[in-house]
Amino acid sequence: MWILTEAPRGSNFYEAQSTTGNKALISDTCDTVIYARSQGADGYRIVAQRGRETFFMGPTPVRGVEVDMTAQMMTLARQLGAIVLV
């Protein structure tokens, strides 16, 4: 089962300056977390992390191009059939 929630302050998935609302998809069956990570001046990118392995999902961000990461996270949550707790 996938759960869409907001990463708590102090966790590895929380960014103080996040423009994505610090949303994270958490799986209770495969120990995987999907979240938006800052790529510095290049913007944000969706990342899947399982243990120490990190996988980048979707297109590489383009410098100066604003993308609505919240909408991308919500679309991904719908595709995975996630329960929304945000």
C-alpha atoms as a PDB file:
ATOM      1  CA  MET A   1       0.000   0.000   0.000  1.00  0.00           C
ATOM      2  CA  TRP A   2       1.221   3.514  -0.794  1.00  0.00           C
ATOM      3  CA  ILE A   3       0.539   6.490   1.473  1.00  0.00           C
ATOM      4  CA  LEU A   4       0.905  10.131   0.389  1.00  0.00           C
ATOM      5  CA  THR A   5       1.880  12.291   3.348  1.00  0.00           C
ATOM      6  CA  GLU A   6       3.994  15.296   4.283  1.00  0.00           C
ATOM      7  CA  ALA A   7       7.560  14.626   5.457  1.00  0.00           C
ATOM      8  CA  PRO A   8       8.014  15.749   9.067  1.00  0.00           C
ATOM      9  CA  ARG A   9      10.570  18.409   9.946  1.00  0.00           C
ATOM     10  CA  GLY A  10      13.913  16.802  10.763  1.00  0.00           C
ATOM     11  CA  SER A  11      13.460  13.748   8.529  1.00  0.00           C
ATOM     12  CA  ASN A  12      15.795  12.954   5.621  1.00  0.00           C
ATOM     13  CA  PHE A  13      13.000  13.841   3.193  1.00  0.00           C
ATOM     14  CA  TYR A  14      12.207  17.296   4.619  1.00  0.00           C
ATOM     15  CA  GLU A  15      13.596  20.452   2.968  1.00  0.00           C
ATOM     16  CA  ALA A  16      13.034  23.762   4.744  1.00  0.00           C
ATOM     17  CA  GLN A  17      12.853  25.767   1.493  1.00  0.00           C
ATOM     18  CA  SER A  18      10.714  23.227  -0.366  1.00  0.00           C
ATOM     19  CA  THR A  19       8.256  24.579  -2.911  1.00  0.00           C
ATOM     20  CA  THR A  20       6.648  21.136  -3.162  1.00  0.00           C
ATOM     21  CA  GLY A  21       5.117  21.046   0.301  1.00  0.00           C
ATOM     22  CA  ASN A  22       7.511  18.256   1.362  1.00  0.00           C
ATOM     23  CA  LYS A  23       5.131  15.581   0.097  1.00  0.00           C
ATOM     24  CA  ALA A  24       6.350  11.986   0.200  1.00  0.00           C
ATOM     25  CA  LEU A  25       4.906   8.683  -0.984  1.00  0.00           C
ATOM     26  CA  ILE A  26       5.699   5.904   1.470  1.00  0.00           C
ATOM     27  CA  SER A  27       5.231   2.187   0.832  1.00  0.00           C
ATOM     28  CA  ASP A  28       4.523  -0.100   3.751  1.00  0.00           C
ATOM     29  CA  THR A  29       5.351  -3.227   1.733  1.00  0.00           C
ATOM     30  CA  CYS A  30       8.550  -2.512  -0.216  1.00  0.00           C
ATOM     31  CA  ASP A  31      10.433  -0.048   2.044  1.00  0.00           C
ATOM     32  CA  THR A  32      10.474   2.625  -0.659  1.00  0.00           C
ATOM     33  CA  VAL A  33       9.946   6.388  -0.367  1.00  0.00           C
ATOM     34  CA  ILE A  34       9.221   8.659  -3.332  1.00  0.00           C
ATOM     35  CA  TYR A  35       9.711  12.398  -2.857  1.00  0.00           C
ATOM     36  CA  ALA A  36      10.785  15.611  -4.623  1.00  0.00           C
ATOM     37  CA  ARG A  37      14.425  16.564  -4.077  1.00  0.00           C
ATOM     38  CA  SER A  38      15.975  19.949  -4.751  1.00  0.00           C
ATOM     39  CA  GLN A  39      18.569  19.972  -7.523  1.00  0.00           C
ATOM     40  CA  GLY A  40      19.900  23.387  -6.484  1.00  0.00           C
ATOM     41  CA  ALA A  41      19.333  26.133  -9.036  1.00  0.00           C
ATOM     42  CA  ASP A  42      18.075  23.542 -11.519  1.00  0.00           C
ATOM     43  CA  GLY A  43      14.793  22.985  -9.680  1.00  0.00           C
ATOM     44  CA  TYR A  44      13.235  19.796  -8.314  1.00  0.00           C
ATOM     45  CA  ARG A  45      13.206  16.191  -9.387  1.00  0.00           C
ATOM     46  CA  ILE A  46      11.176  13.186  -8.248  1.00  0.00           C
ATOM     47  CA  VAL A  47      13.340  10.587  -6.501  1.00  0.00           C
ATOM     48  CA  ALA A  48      12.605   7.037  -5.336  1.00  0.00           C
ATOM     49  CA  GLN A  49      14.745   5.758  -2.487  1.00  0.00           C
ATOM     50  CA  ARG A  50      14.970   2.215  -1.158  1.00  0.00           C
ATOM     51  CA  GLY A  51      17.565   1.703   1.534  1.00  0.00           C
ATOM     52  CA  ARG A  52      20.767   3.260   0.234  1.00  0.00           C
ATOM     53  CA  GLU A  53      19.679   3.033  -3.415  1.00  0.00           C
ATOM     54  CA  THR A  54      18.379   6.180  -5.110  1.00  0.00           C
ATOM     55  CA  PHE A  55      16.528   6.307  -8.430  1.00  0.00           C
ATOM     56  CA  PHE A  56      15.673   9.490 -10.327  1.00  0.00           C
ATOM     57  CA  MET A  57      12.237   9.466 -11.934  1.00  0.00           C
ATOM     58  CA  GLY A  58      10.993  11.617 -14.774  1.00  0.00           C
ATOM     59  CA  PRO A  59      12.772  14.220 -16.864  1.00  0.00           C
ATOM     60  CA  THR A  60      15.831  16.122 -15.709  1.00  0.00           C
ATOM     61  CA  PRO A  61      14.887  19.620 -14.484  1.00  0.00           C
ATOM     62  CA  VAL A  62      15.736  22.532 -16.755  1.00  0.00           C
ATOM     63  CA  ARG A  63      17.331  25.610 -15.218  1.00  0.00           C
ATOM     64  CA  GLY A  64      14.869  28.513 -15.022  1.00  0.00           C
ATOM     65  CA  VAL A  65      11.806  26.410 -15.895  1.00  0.00           C
ATOM     66  CA  GLU A  66       9.187  26.209 -13.144  1.00  0.00           C
ATOM     67  CA  VAL A  67       7.392  22.868 -12.796  1.00  0.00           C
ATOM     68  CA  ASP A  68       4.510  22.091 -10.451  1.00  0.00           C
ATOM     69  CA  MET A  69       5.980  19.199  -8.440  1.00  0.00           C
ATOM     70  CA  THR A  70       2.876  18.966  -6.245  1.00  0.00           C
ATOM     71  CA  ALA A  71       0.775  18.104  -9.292  1.00  0.00           C
ATOM     72  CA  GLN A  72       3.343  15.501 -10.375  1.00  0.00           C
ATOM     73  CA  MET A  73       3.327  13.925  -6.900  1.00  0.00           C
ATOM     74  CA  MET A  74      -0.494  13.832  -6.852  1.00  0.00           C
ATOM     75  CA  THR A  75      -0.574  12.229 -10.319  1.00  0.00           C
ATOM     76  CA  LEU A  76       1.943   9.613  -9.216  1.00  0.00           C
ATOM     77  CA  ALA A  77      -0.073   8.983  -6.043  1.00  0.00           C
ATOM     78  CA  ARG A  78      -3.223   8.388  -8.122  1.00  0.00           C
ATOM     79  CA  GLN A  79      -1.328   6.015 -10.441  1.00  0.00           C
ATOM     80  CA  LEU A  80      -0.108   4.003  -7.446  1.00  0.00           C
ATOM     81  CA  GLY A  81      -3.534   4.035  -5.786  1.00  0.00           C
ATOM     82  CA  ALA A  82      -2.122   5.809  -2.727  1.00  0.00           C
ATOM     83  CA  ILE A  83      -4.062   6.767   0.355  1.00  0.00           C
ATOM     84  CA  VAL A  84      -3.808  10.545   0.781  1.00  0.00           C
ATOM     85  CA  LEU A  85      -3.031  11.794   4.305  1.00  0.00           C
ATOM     86  CA  VAL A  86      -1.992  15.354   3.395  1.00  0.00           C
END
